[in-house]
């Protein structure tokens, strides 16, 4: 018995998004537009450093509070151990 492969044409679905011509060129930005873009992105970078430092400080405080709240030391302070009662020895 000879097994012959089934050959069928591949059907490709139509793309959901039709792309436009990417070869279109944009006009060069004016000098004023370049200056505005430079000031906006420079300002964002300086603010980003402050945001990162604030985030790091906040995370450090949250970590400290979590350790204080859920740490073993906090559990030991809540339930102090009882000292064993001293047995009195009979006097002879």
N, C-alpha and C. Protein backbone atom coordinates (compact mmCIF):
# COMPACT_ATOMS: atom_id res chain seq x y z
N UNK A 1 0.84 -1.17 0.00
CA UNK A 1 0.00 0.00 0.00
C UNK A 1 0.89 1.24 0.00
N UNK A 2 0.66 2.14 -0.90
CA UNK A 2 1.44 3.36 -1.02
C UNK A 2 0.64 4.51 -0.41
N UNK A 3 1.31 5.24 0.49
CA UNK A 3 0.65 6.39 1.14
C UNK A 3 1.07 7.64 0.39
N UNK A 4 0.09 8.33 -0.16
CA UNK A 4 0.38 9.56 -0.88
C UNK A 4 0.05 10.76 0.01
N UNK A 5 0.94 11.75 0.07
CA UNK A 5 0.64 12.93 0.89
C UNK A 5 -0.49 13.74 0.27
N UNK A 6 -1.28 14.33 1.14
CA UNK A 6 -2.37 15.18 0.67
C UNK A 6 -1.81 16.57 0.46
N UNK A 7 -1.97 17.07 -0.72
CA UNK A 7 -1.46 18.40 -1.04
C UNK A 7 -2.65 19.32 -1.24
N UNK A 8 -2.69 20.39 -0.41
CA UNK A 8 -3.78 21.36 -0.51
C UNK A 8 -3.16 22.75 -0.48
N UNK A 9 -3.76 23.67 -1.20
CA UNK A 9 -3.22 25.04 -1.17
C UNK A 9 -3.42 25.66 0.21
N UNK A 10 -2.45 26.45 0.63
CA UNK A 10 -2.52 27.12 1.93
C UNK A 10 -3.42 28.34 1.79
N UNK A 11 -4.38 28.42 2.68
CA UNK A 11 -5.28 29.56 2.67
C UNK A 11 -4.88 30.49 3.81
N UNK A 12 -4.55 31.70 3.46
CA UNK A 12 -4.15 32.66 4.47
C UNK A 12 -5.29 33.65 4.69
N UNK A 13 -5.64 33.88 5.95
CA UNK A 13 -6.71 34.84 6.22
C UNK A 13 -6.26 36.26 5.89
N UNK A 14 -7.21 37.09 5.61
CA UNK A 14 -6.87 38.48 5.32
C UNK A 14 -6.42 39.16 6.61
N UNK A 15 -5.40 40.03 6.54
CA UNK A 15 -4.94 40.70 7.75
C UNK A 15 -6.03 41.61 8.33
N UNK A 16 -6.08 41.68 9.65
CA UNK A 16 -7.08 42.50 10.32
C UNK A 16 -6.79 43.98 10.13
N UNK A 17 -5.52 44.31 9.99
CA UNK A 17 -5.12 45.71 9.82
C UNK A 17 -4.39 45.84 8.49
N UNK A 18 -4.85 46.74 7.68
CA UNK A 18 -4.17 47.00 6.42
C UNK A 18 -3.18 48.13 6.62
N UNK A 19 -1.93 47.86 6.33
CA UNK A 19 -0.89 48.85 6.53
C UNK A 19 -0.89 49.86 5.37
N UNK A 20 -0.57 51.09 5.73
CA UNK A 20 -0.48 52.13 4.72
C UNK A 20 0.92 52.16 4.15
N UNK A 21 1.13 52.98 3.18
CA UNK A 21 2.43 53.11 2.55
C UNK A 21 3.42 53.70 3.55
N UNK A 22 4.46 52.95 3.90
CA UNK A 22 5.46 53.43 4.85
C UNK A 22 6.54 54.25 4.18
N UNK A 23 6.49 54.37 2.88
CA UNK A 23 7.51 55.11 2.16
C UNK A 23 7.27 56.62 2.18
N UNK A 24 6.17 57.06 2.79
CA UNK A 24 5.88 58.50 2.82
C UNK A 24 6.88 59.20 3.73
N UNK A 25 7.34 60.35 3.30
CA UNK A 25 8.32 61.09 4.09
C UNK A 25 7.64 62.22 4.85
N UNK A 26 8.15 62.46 6.04
CA UNK A 26 7.62 63.55 6.86
C UNK A 26 8.47 64.79 6.64
N UNK A 27 7.85 65.94 6.76
CA UNK A 27 8.66 67.16 6.63
C UNK A 27 9.57 67.32 7.85
N UNK A 28 10.70 67.92 7.64
CA UNK A 28 11.66 68.14 8.73
C UNK A 28 11.06 69.13 9.73
N UNK A 29 11.28 68.91 11.04
CA UNK A 29 10.73 69.84 12.03
C UNK A 29 11.45 71.20 11.97
N UNK A 30 10.71 72.22 12.36
CA UNK A 30 11.31 73.55 12.36
C UNK A 30 12.25 73.69 13.56
N UNK A 31 13.01 74.75 13.59
CA UNK A 31 13.96 74.99 14.68
C UNK A 31 13.20 75.15 15.99
N UNK A 32 12.07 75.83 15.96
CA UNK A 32 11.26 76.04 17.17
C UNK A 32 10.73 74.70 17.70
N UNK A 33 10.28 73.82 16.81
CA UNK A 33 9.79 72.51 17.23
C UNK A 33 10.91 71.67 17.85
N UNK A 34 12.11 71.76 17.31
CA UNK A 34 13.24 71.03 17.88
C UNK A 34 13.58 71.54 19.28
N UNK A 35 13.54 72.86 19.48
CA UNK A 35 13.84 73.44 20.79
C UNK A 35 12.79 73.02 21.82
N UNK A 36 11.53 73.03 21.42
CA UNK A 36 10.46 72.63 22.34
C UNK A 36 10.62 71.16 22.73
N UNK A 37 10.92 70.31 21.76
CA UNK A 37 11.12 68.89 22.05
C UNK A 37 12.31 68.69 22.98
N UNK A 38 13.39 69.42 22.77
CA UNK A 38 14.56 69.29 23.64
C UNK A 38 14.24 69.70 25.07
N UNK A 39 13.52 70.81 25.25
CA UNK A 39 13.19 71.26 26.62
C UNK A 39 12.25 70.29 27.31
N UNK A 40 11.29 69.74 26.57
CA UNK A 40 10.34 68.80 27.19
C UNK A 40 11.06 67.54 27.65
N UNK A 41 11.88 66.95 26.79
CA UNK A 41 12.53 65.70 27.16
C UNK A 41 13.62 65.91 28.20
N UNK A 42 14.28 67.06 28.22
CA UNK A 42 15.28 67.33 29.25
C UNK A 42 14.60 67.48 30.60
N UNK A 43 13.47 68.16 30.64
CA UNK A 43 12.73 68.35 31.89
C UNK A 43 12.25 67.01 32.42
N UNK A 44 11.78 66.13 31.54
CA UNK A 44 11.30 64.83 31.98
C UNK A 44 12.43 63.99 32.57
N UNK A 45 13.63 64.10 32.04
CA UNK A 45 14.74 63.31 32.56
C UNK A 45 15.14 63.79 33.95
N UNK A 46 15.12 65.10 34.20
CA UNK A 46 15.48 65.58 35.53
C UNK A 46 14.40 65.22 36.53
N UNK A 47 13.14 65.24 36.12
CA UNK A 47 12.06 64.83 37.02
C UNK A 47 12.10 63.33 37.26
N UNK A 48 12.55 62.57 36.29
CA UNK A 48 12.62 61.13 36.44
C UNK A 48 13.59 60.73 37.55
N UNK A 49 14.70 61.44 37.67
CA UNK A 49 15.66 61.13 38.73
C UNK A 49 15.02 61.35 40.10
N UNK A 50 14.26 62.42 40.25
CA UNK A 50 13.59 62.68 41.53
C UNK A 50 12.53 61.62 41.82
N UNK A 51 11.82 61.19 40.81
CA UNK A 51 10.79 60.17 40.99
C UNK A 51 11.42 58.85 41.41
N UNK A 52 12.52 58.48 40.78
CA UNK A 52 13.19 57.22 41.12
C UNK A 52 13.71 57.26 42.56
N UNK A 53 14.28 58.38 42.96
CA UNK A 53 14.77 58.50 44.34
C UNK A 53 13.62 58.43 45.34
N UNK A 54 12.51 59.07 45.03
CA UNK A 54 11.34 59.00 45.90
C UNK A 54 10.78 57.61 46.00
N UNK A 55 10.74 56.91 44.88
CA UNK A 55 10.25 55.53 44.87
C UNK A 55 11.15 54.62 45.70
N UNK A 56 12.45 54.81 45.57
CA UNK A 56 13.40 53.99 46.34
C UNK A 56 13.24 54.25 47.83
N UNK A 57 13.08 55.49 48.21
CA UNK A 57 12.91 55.83 49.62
C UNK A 57 11.60 55.24 50.15
N UNK A 58 10.54 55.34 49.38
CA UNK A 58 9.26 54.78 49.80
C UNK A 58 9.31 53.27 49.97
N UNK A 59 10.00 52.60 49.05
CA UNK A 59 10.13 51.15 49.17
C UNK A 59 10.97 50.76 50.39
N UNK A 60 12.00 51.54 50.67
CA UNK A 60 12.82 51.24 51.85
C UNK A 60 12.01 51.40 53.12
N UNK A 61 11.18 52.44 53.19
CA UNK A 61 10.33 52.63 54.37
C UNK A 61 9.29 51.52 54.49
N UNK A 62 8.70 51.12 53.38
CA UNK A 62 7.73 50.03 53.41
C UNK A 62 8.37 48.73 53.86
N UNK A 63 9.59 48.48 53.42
CA UNK A 63 10.31 47.28 53.84
C UNK A 63 10.59 47.33 55.34
N UNK A 64 11.03 48.47 55.83
CA UNK A 64 11.32 48.62 57.25
C UNK A 64 10.05 48.38 58.08
N UNK A 65 8.94 48.95 57.65
CA UNK A 65 7.69 48.77 58.39
C UNK A 65 7.23 47.32 58.34
N UNK A 66 7.41 46.65 57.21
CA UNK A 66 7.00 45.25 57.11
C UNK A 66 7.86 44.37 58.03
N UNK A 67 9.14 44.64 58.09
CA UNK A 67 10.01 43.87 58.97
C UNK A 67 9.63 44.11 60.43
N UNK A 68 9.36 45.35 60.78
CA UNK A 68 8.97 45.66 62.16
C UNK A 68 7.63 45.03 62.51
N UNK A 69 6.71 45.01 61.57
CA UNK A 69 5.37 44.50 61.86
C UNK A 69 5.34 42.97 61.86
N UNK A 70 5.93 42.35 60.86
CA UNK A 70 5.81 40.92 60.69
C UNK A 70 7.05 40.15 61.07
N UNK A 71 8.07 40.80 61.57
CA UNK A 71 9.33 40.13 61.90
C UNK A 71 9.21 39.28 63.16
N UNK A 72 10.20 38.42 63.38
CA UNK A 72 10.22 37.55 64.56
C UNK A 72 10.36 38.35 65.84
N UNK A 73 11.09 39.45 65.79
CA UNK A 73 11.28 40.25 67.00
C UNK A 73 9.95 40.80 67.50
N UNK A 74 9.09 41.19 66.60
CA UNK A 74 7.79 41.73 67.01
C UNK A 74 6.94 40.65 67.65
N UNK A 75 7.03 39.42 67.17
CA UNK A 75 6.26 38.32 67.76
C UNK A 75 6.76 37.98 69.15
N UNK A 76 8.07 38.04 69.33
CA UNK A 76 8.61 37.72 70.65
C UNK A 76 8.24 38.78 71.68
N UNK A 77 8.16 40.03 71.25
CA UNK A 77 7.80 41.08 72.19
C UNK A 77 6.33 40.98 72.60
N UNK A 78 5.48 40.51 71.72
CA UNK A 78 4.06 40.39 72.04
C UNK A 78 3.82 39.28 73.05
N UNK A 79 4.52 38.18 72.95
CA UNK A 79 4.32 37.05 73.85
C UNK A 79 5.61 36.81 74.64
N UNK A 80 5.76 37.51 75.75
CA UNK A 80 6.99 37.29 76.52
C UNK A 80 6.97 35.88 77.14
N UNK A 81 8.11 35.30 77.19
CA UNK A 81 8.21 33.96 77.76
C UNK A 81 8.10 34.04 79.28
N UNK A 82 7.43 33.08 79.82
CA UNK A 82 7.33 33.02 81.29
C UNK A 82 8.57 32.34 81.85
N UNK A 83 9.01 32.87 82.94
CA UNK A 83 10.16 32.25 83.59
C UNK A 83 9.65 31.05 84.37
N UNK A 84 10.41 29.98 84.37
CA UNK A 84 9.96 28.81 85.14
C UNK A 84 9.95 29.14 86.63
N UNK A 85 8.91 28.67 87.28
CA UNK A 85 8.78 28.92 88.72
C UNK A 85 9.87 28.16 89.47
N UNK A 86 10.46 28.84 90.44
CA UNK A 86 11.51 28.20 91.25
C UNK A 86 10.86 27.30 92.28
N UNK A 87 11.33 26.10 92.36
CA UNK A 87 10.80 25.16 93.35
C UNK A 87 11.51 25.42 94.67
N UNK A 88 10.72 25.52 95.70
CA UNK A 88 11.32 25.74 97.03
C UNK A 88 11.76 24.40 97.60
N UNK A 89 12.98 24.38 98.05
CA UNK A 89 13.49 23.15 98.64
C UNK A 89 13.11 23.13 100.11
N UNK A 90 12.75 21.97 100.60
CA UNK A 90 12.41 21.90 102.04
C UNK A 90 13.65 22.14 102.90
N UNK A 91 13.44 22.86 103.99
CA UNK A 91 14.54 23.19 104.91
C UNK A 91 14.75 21.99 105.82
N UNK A 92 15.99 21.57 106.03
CA UNK A 92 16.30 20.44 106.90
C UNK A 92 16.86 20.86 108.20
